Amino acid sequence: TALIPVTFYMAMALRYGTLLPITLAPTSWILFTLLTVLGCALIYVFRLQNIKLHTFESRAMSQIGLVAVALVVLAVVCRYMLQLAAPRSVPLVFGALLSVLYQERFKTANIQNP
């Protein structure tokens, strides 16, 4: 769950090309709270916390992908409904980064703990 706000910050920093994107879009930080809460709920619903490291398979990878896509859709909907000043490309970058980093987290843990 800590990956969600970190990944969103990384997406904002990549999109704006700066390490401090808060100065360029101060109202878009409401999405941090919303995406973190909604992401925790999605992780619980899809049971990503129950994925066993030694049985990391295509089903688990598809669940991670579904959570990433759902969070992208939620980010777009929240940005539109709240009329926040976040670029349209940020949710897509966020979803891609979240999917890759979440899968790498499991791969790294699986290699270290066989």
N, C-alpha and C. Protein backbone atom coordinates (compact mmCIF):
# COMPACT_ATOMS: atom_id res chain seq x y z
N THR A 1 0.81 -1.20 0.00
CA THR A 1 0.00 0.00 0.00
C THR A 1 0.85 1.26 0.00
N ALA A 2 2.07 1.17 0.45
CA ALA A 2 2.95 2.34 0.42
C ALA A 2 3.37 2.68 -1.00
N LEU A 3 3.26 1.70 -1.90
CA LEU A 3 3.63 1.96 -3.29
C LEU A 3 2.66 2.91 -3.98
N ILE A 4 1.43 2.99 -3.52
CA ILE A 4 0.43 3.80 -4.21
C ILE A 4 0.78 5.29 -4.17
N PRO A 5 0.97 5.91 -2.99
CA PRO A 5 1.32 7.34 -3.01
C PRO A 5 2.71 7.60 -3.60
N VAL A 6 3.65 6.69 -3.38
CA VAL A 6 4.99 6.86 -3.94
C VAL A 6 4.94 6.82 -5.46
N THR A 7 4.19 5.89 -5.99
CA THR A 7 4.08 5.77 -7.44
C THR A 7 3.35 6.96 -8.04
N PHE A 8 2.32 7.45 -7.36
CA PHE A 8 1.62 8.64 -7.86
C PHE A 8 2.55 9.85 -7.87
N TYR A 9 3.35 9.99 -6.82
CA TYR A 9 4.33 11.09 -6.78
C TYR A 9 5.34 10.94 -7.91
N MET A 10 5.79 9.70 -8.17
CA MET A 10 6.74 9.48 -9.26
C MET A 10 6.12 9.84 -10.60
N ALA A 11 4.84 9.50 -10.79
CA ALA A 11 4.16 9.83 -12.04
C ALA A 11 4.05 11.34 -12.22
N MET A 12 3.72 12.06 -11.14
CA MET A 12 3.64 13.52 -11.23
C MET A 12 5.02 14.11 -11.51
N ALA A 13 6.04 13.60 -10.85
CA ALA A 13 7.40 14.11 -11.07
C ALA A 13 7.87 13.83 -12.49
N LEU A 14 7.57 12.65 -13.02
CA LEU A 14 7.95 12.34 -14.39
C LEU A 14 7.21 13.23 -15.38
N ARG A 15 5.94 13.45 -15.16
CA ARG A 15 5.14 14.26 -16.08
C ARG A 15 5.58 15.71 -16.09
N TYR A 16 5.83 16.27 -14.91
CA TYR A 16 6.23 17.66 -14.82
C TYR A 16 7.73 17.87 -15.00
N GLY A 17 8.51 16.81 -14.90
CA GLY A 17 9.95 16.92 -15.10
C GLY A 17 10.68 17.62 -13.97
N THR A 18 10.18 17.47 -12.77
CA THR A 18 10.79 18.09 -11.61
C THR A 18 10.62 17.18 -10.40
N LEU A 19 11.47 17.36 -9.41
CA LEU A 19 11.35 16.56 -8.20
C LEU A 19 10.29 17.09 -7.24
N LEU A 20 9.86 18.32 -7.45
CA LEU A 20 8.85 18.94 -6.59
C LEU A 20 7.65 19.37 -7.43
N PRO A 21 6.83 18.43 -7.88
CA PRO A 21 5.69 18.81 -8.72
C PRO A 21 4.56 19.50 -7.95
N ILE A 22 4.65 19.54 -6.62
CA ILE A 22 3.60 20.19 -5.83
C ILE A 22 3.50 21.68 -6.13
N THR A 23 4.60 22.28 -6.56
CA THR A 23 4.56 23.71 -6.87
C THR A 23 3.81 23.98 -8.17
N LEU A 24 3.73 23.00 -9.05
CA LEU A 24 3.06 23.18 -10.34
C LEU A 24 1.59 22.81 -10.31
N ALA A 25 1.19 21.91 -9.44
CA ALA A 25 -0.20 21.48 -9.35
C ALA A 25 -0.60 21.29 -7.89
N PRO A 26 -0.78 22.39 -7.16
CA PRO A 26 -1.05 22.25 -5.72
C PRO A 26 -2.41 21.63 -5.39
N THR A 27 -3.40 21.74 -6.28
CA THR A 27 -4.72 21.17 -5.96
C THR A 27 -4.83 19.69 -6.29
N SER A 28 -3.90 19.15 -7.05
CA SER A 28 -4.00 17.75 -7.45
C SER A 28 -3.58 16.79 -6.34
N TRP A 29 -3.13 17.28 -5.21
CA TRP A 29 -2.66 16.40 -4.15
C TRP A 29 -3.79 15.78 -3.35
N ILE A 30 -5.01 16.20 -3.65
CA ILE A 30 -6.17 15.52 -3.06
C ILE A 30 -6.22 14.09 -3.58
N LEU A 31 -5.73 13.89 -4.80
CA LEU A 31 -5.71 12.55 -5.38
C LEU A 31 -4.83 11.59 -4.58
N PHE A 32 -3.79 12.11 -3.93
CA PHE A 32 -2.94 11.24 -3.09
C PHE A 32 -3.79 10.52 -2.05
N THR A 33 -4.58 11.27 -1.33
CA THR A 33 -5.41 10.69 -0.28
C THR A 33 -6.45 9.74 -0.86
N LEU A 34 -7.13 10.20 -1.90
CA LEU A 34 -8.18 9.37 -2.50
C LEU A 34 -7.62 8.07 -3.07
N LEU A 35 -6.52 8.16 -3.81
CA LEU A 35 -5.96 6.96 -4.42
C LEU A 35 -5.38 6.01 -3.38
N THR A 36 -4.84 6.54 -2.31
CA THR A 36 -4.31 5.67 -1.26
C THR A 36 -5.44 4.90 -0.58
N VAL A 37 -6.51 5.58 -0.24
CA VAL A 37 -7.64 4.92 0.42
C VAL A 37 -8.31 3.93 -0.52
N LEU A 38 -8.59 4.37 -1.76
CA LEU A 38 -9.23 3.48 -2.73
C LEU A 38 -8.32 2.33 -3.11
N GLY A 39 -7.02 2.59 -3.19
CA GLY A 39 -6.06 1.53 -3.51
C GLY A 39 -5.99 0.48 -2.42
N CYS A 40 -6.02 0.91 -1.17
CA CYS A 40 -6.03 -0.05 -0.06
C CYS A 40 -7.28 -0.91 -0.12
N ALA A 41 -8.41 -0.30 -0.45
CA ALA A 41 -9.65 -1.06 -0.56
C ALA A 41 -9.57 -2.07 -1.71
N LEU A 42 -9.03 -1.65 -2.85
CA LEU A 42 -8.89 -2.56 -3.99
C LEU A 42 -7.93 -3.70 -3.70
N ILE A 43 -6.83 -3.39 -3.02
CA ILE A 43 -5.87 -4.44 -2.67
C ILE A 43 -6.54 -5.46 -1.75
N TYR A 44 -7.38 -5.00 -0.84
CA TYR A 44 -8.09 -5.92 0.04
C TYR A 44 -9.12 -6.74 -0.74
N VAL A 45 -9.87 -6.08 -1.64
CA VAL A 45 -10.90 -6.78 -2.41
C VAL A 45 -10.28 -7.84 -3.33
N PHE A 46 -9.17 -7.50 -3.99
CA PHE A 46 -8.51 -8.45 -4.89
C PHE A 46 -7.57 -9.40 -4.15
N ARG A 47 -7.47 -9.24 -2.86
CA ARG A 47 -6.65 -10.10 -2.00
C ARG A 47 -5.18 -10.16 -2.41
N LEU A 48 -4.63 -9.03 -2.78
CA LEU A 48 -3.22 -9.00 -3.15
C LEU A 48 -2.31 -9.25 -1.95
N GLN A 49 -2.82 -8.96 -0.75
CA GLN A 49 -2.01 -9.20 0.44
C GLN A 49 -1.85 -10.69 0.72
N ASN A 50 -2.68 -11.54 0.09
CA ASN A 50 -2.62 -12.98 0.33
C ASN A 50 -1.79 -13.72 -0.71
N ILE A 51 -1.19 -13.02 -1.65
CA ILE A 51 -0.39 -13.68 -2.68
C ILE A 51 0.86 -14.26 -2.01
N LYS A 52 1.05 -15.53 -2.20
CA LYS A 52 2.23 -16.19 -1.64
C LYS A 52 3.40 -16.01 -2.60
N LEU A 53 4.54 -15.74 -2.05
CA LEU A 53 5.70 -15.42 -2.88
C LEU A 53 6.18 -16.61 -3.70
N HIS A 54 6.05 -17.80 -3.19
CA HIS A 54 6.54 -18.96 -3.93
C HIS A 54 5.55 -19.43 -5.00
N THR A 55 4.34 -18.92 -5.00
CA THR A 55 3.37 -19.30 -6.02
C THR A 55 2.96 -18.12 -6.88
N PHE A 56 3.91 -17.25 -7.16
CA PHE A 56 3.62 -16.08 -7.99
C PHE A 56 3.41 -16.56 -9.42
N GLU A 57 2.19 -16.47 -9.90
CA GLU A 57 1.83 -17.04 -11.19
C GLU A 57 1.08 -16.00 -12.03
N SER A 58 0.59 -16.43 -13.17
CA SER A 58 -0.08 -15.51 -14.07
C SER A 58 -1.37 -14.97 -13.48
N ARG A 59 -2.05 -15.75 -12.64
CA ARG A 59 -3.27 -15.26 -11.99
C ARG A 59 -2.96 -14.07 -11.08
N ALA A 60 -1.89 -14.17 -10.33
CA ALA A 60 -1.49 -13.08 -9.45
C ALA A 60 -1.08 -11.85 -10.28
N MET A 61 -0.39 -12.08 -11.37
CA MET A 61 0.01 -10.96 -12.22
C MET A 61 -1.21 -10.28 -12.84
N SER A 62 -2.22 -11.06 -13.22
CA SER A 62 -3.43 -10.47 -13.78
C SER A 62 -4.19 -9.69 -12.72
N GLN A 63 -4.18 -10.16 -11.48
CA GLN A 63 -4.83 -9.41 -10.40
C GLN A 63 -4.13 -8.07 -10.17
N ILE A 64 -2.81 -8.08 -10.21
CA ILE A 64 -2.06 -6.83 -10.06
C ILE A 64 -2.40 -5.88 -11.21
N GLY A 65 -2.49 -6.42 -12.41
CA GLY A 65 -2.86 -5.60 -13.56
C GLY A 65 -4.26 -5.03 -13.44
N LEU A 66 -5.21 -5.84 -12.94
CA LEU A 66 -6.57 -5.35 -12.75
C LEU A 66 -6.63 -4.23 -11.71
N VAL A 67 -5.88 -4.37 -10.64
CA VAL A 67 -5.85 -3.32 -9.62
C VAL A 67 -5.25 -2.04 -10.20
N ALA A 68 -4.19 -2.18 -11.00
CA ALA A 68 -3.57 -1.01 -11.61
C ALA A 68 -4.55 -0.32 -12.57
N VAL A 69 -5.26 -1.09 -13.38
CA VAL A 69 -6.23 -0.51 -14.31
C VAL A 69 -7.38 0.15 -13.55
N ALA A 70 -7.86 -0.50 -12.50
CA ALA A 70 -8.93 0.07 -11.69
C ALA A 70 -8.50 1.38 -11.05
N LEU A 71 -7.27 1.44 -10.57
CA LEU A 71 -6.78 2.69 -9.97
C LEU A 71 -6.61 3.79 -11.01
N VAL A 72 -6.24 3.43 -12.22
CA VAL A 72 -6.14 4.42 -13.29
C VAL A 72 -7.52 5.00 -13.59
N VAL A 73 -8.52 4.13 -13.71
CA VAL A 73 -9.88 4.59 -13.98
C VAL A 73 -10.38 5.46 -12.83
N LEU A 74 -10.12 5.03 -11.59
CA LEU A 74 -10.53 5.83 -10.43
C LEU A 74 -9.82 7.19 -10.40
N ALA A 75 -8.55 7.21 -10.77
CA ALA A 75 -7.83 8.48 -10.80
C ALA A 75 -8.41 9.43 -11.84
N VAL A 76 -8.75 8.90 -13.01
CA VAL A 76 -9.35 9.74 -14.05
C VAL A 76 -10.71 10.25 -13.61
N VAL A 77 -11.53 9.37 -13.04
CA VAL A 77 -12.86 9.77 -12.60
C VAL A 77 -12.78 10.80 -11.47
N CYS A 78 -11.91 10.57 -10.50
CA CYS A 78 -11.76 11.52 -9.38
C CYS A 78 -11.24 12.87 -9.88
N ARG A 79 -10.29 12.83 -10.80
CA ARG A 79 -9.75 14.08 -11.35
C ARG A 79 -10.84 14.85 -12.08
N TYR A 80 -11.67 14.15 -12.83
CA TYR A 80 -12.75 14.80 -13.57
C TYR A 80 -13.84 15.31 -12.63
N MET A 81 -14.28 14.49 -11.68
CA MET A 81 -15.37 14.87 -10.79
C MET A 81 -14.99 16.02 -9.86
N LEU A 82 -13.74 16.02 -9.40
CA LEU A 82 -13.30 17.08 -8.49
C LEU A 82 -12.67 18.26 -9.22
N GLN A 83 -12.58 18.17 -10.54
CA GLN A 83 -12.01 19.22 -11.39
C GLN A 83 -10.62 19.65 -10.89
N LEU A 84 -9.75 18.65 -10.75
CA LEU A 84 -8.40 18.90 -10.27
C LEU A 84 -7.47 19.18 -11.45
N ALA A 85 -6.38 19.87 -11.17
CA ALA A 85 -5.46 20.32 -12.21
C ALA A 85 -4.32 19.33 -12.43
N ALA A 86 -4.65 18.08 -12.61
CA ALA A 86 -3.62 17.08 -12.90
C ALA A 86 -3.68 16.77 -14.40
N PRO A 87 -2.54 16.62 -15.04
CA PRO A 87 -2.55 16.29 -16.47
C PRO A 87 -3.21 14.93 -16.72
N ARG A 88 -3.74 14.77 -17.92
CA ARG A 88 -4.43 13.52 -18.26
C ARG A 88 -3.49 12.34 -18.35
N SER A 89 -2.22 12.59 -18.59
CA SER A 89 -1.28 11.48 -18.74
C SER A 89 -0.80 10.92 -17.40
N VAL A 90 -0.99 11.64 -16.32
CA VAL A 90 -0.51 11.19 -15.01
C VAL A 90 -1.14 9.86 -14.58
N PRO A 91 -2.47 9.65 -14.72
CA PRO A 91 -3.02 8.35 -14.32
C PRO A 91 -2.46 7.19 -15.13
N LEU A 92 -2.18 7.40 -16.41
CA LEU A 92 -1.63 6.32 -17.23
C LEU A 92 -0.21 5.97 -16.79
N VAL A 93 0.60 6.98 -16.53
CA VAL A 93 1.96 6.75 -16.05
C VAL A 93 1.90 6.10 -14.68
N PHE A 94 0.96 6.55 -13.85
CA PHE A 94 0.77 5.99 -12.52
C PHE A 94 0.44 4.50 -12.59
N GLY A 95 -0.50 4.12 -13.44
CA GLY A 95 -0.89 2.72 -13.58
C GLY A 95 0.25 1.84 -14.07
N ALA A 96 1.00 2.35 -15.05
CA ALA A 96 2.13 1.58 -15.58
C ALA A 96 3.20 1.39 -14.51
N LEU A 97 3.54 2.45 -13.80
CA LEU A 97 4.56 2.36 -12.75
C LEU A 97 4.09 1.44 -11.61
N LEU A 98 2.83 1.56 -11.23
CA LEU A 98 2.31 0.74 -10.14
C LEU A 98 2.36 -0.74 -10.50
N SER A 99 1.95 -1.07 -11.71
CA SER A 99 1.97 -2.46 -12.14
C SER A 99 3.38 -3.02 -12.15
N VAL A 100 4.31 -2.27 -12.72
CA VAL A 100 5.69 -2.75 -12.82
C VAL A 100 6.34 -2.85 -11.43
N LEU A 101 6.18 -1.82 -10.61
CA LEU A 101 6.82 -1.84 -9.29
C LEU A 101 6.21 -2.89 -8.37
N TYR A 102 4.91 -3.11 -8.46
CA TYR A 102 4.28 -4.12 -7.63
C TYR A 102 4.76 -5.51 -8.02
N GLN A 103 4.87 -5.77 -9.32
CA GLN A 103 5.36 -7.07 -9.77
C GLN A 103 6.83 -7.25 -9.41
N GLU A 104 7.63 -6.20 -9.53
CA GLU A 104 9.05 -6.29 -9.17
C GLU A 104 9.22 -6.52 -7.68
N ARG A 105 8.32 -5.98 -6.89
CA ARG A 105 8.38 -6.18 -5.44
C ARG A 105 8.26 -7.67 -5.12
N PHE A 106 7.33 -8.35 -5.78
CA PHE A 106 7.16 -9.78 -5.53
C PHE A 106 8.30 -10.59 -6.12
N LYS A 107 8.79 -10.22 -7.28
CA LYS A 107 9.90 -10.96 -7.89
C LYS A 107 11.15 -10.86 -7.03
N THR A 108 11.46 -9.67 -6.54
CA THR A 108 12.63 -9.46 -5.70
C THR A 108 12.50 -10.24 -4.40
N ALA A 109 11.34 -10.21 -3.78
CA ALA A 109 11.14 -10.94 -2.53
C ALA A 109 11.20 -12.45 -2.77
N ASN A 110 10.76 -12.90 -3.93
CA ASN A 110 10.79 -14.32 -4.24
C ASN A 110 12.23 -14.80 -4.46
N ILE A 111 13.07 -13.97 -5.06
CA ILE A 111 14.45 -14.34 -5.29
C ILE A 111 15.22 -14.38 -3.97
N GLN A 112 14.95 -13.44 -3.07
CA GLN A 112 15.68 -13.37 -1.82
C GLN A 112 15.24 -14.44 -0.83
N ASN A 113 13.98 -14.88 -0.92
CA ASN A 113 13.45 -15.90 -0.01
C ASN A 113 12.94 -17.09 -0.80
N PRO A 114 13.83 -17.98 -1.27
CA PRO A 114 13.35 -19.11 -2.09
C PRO A 114 12.55 -20.12 -1.31
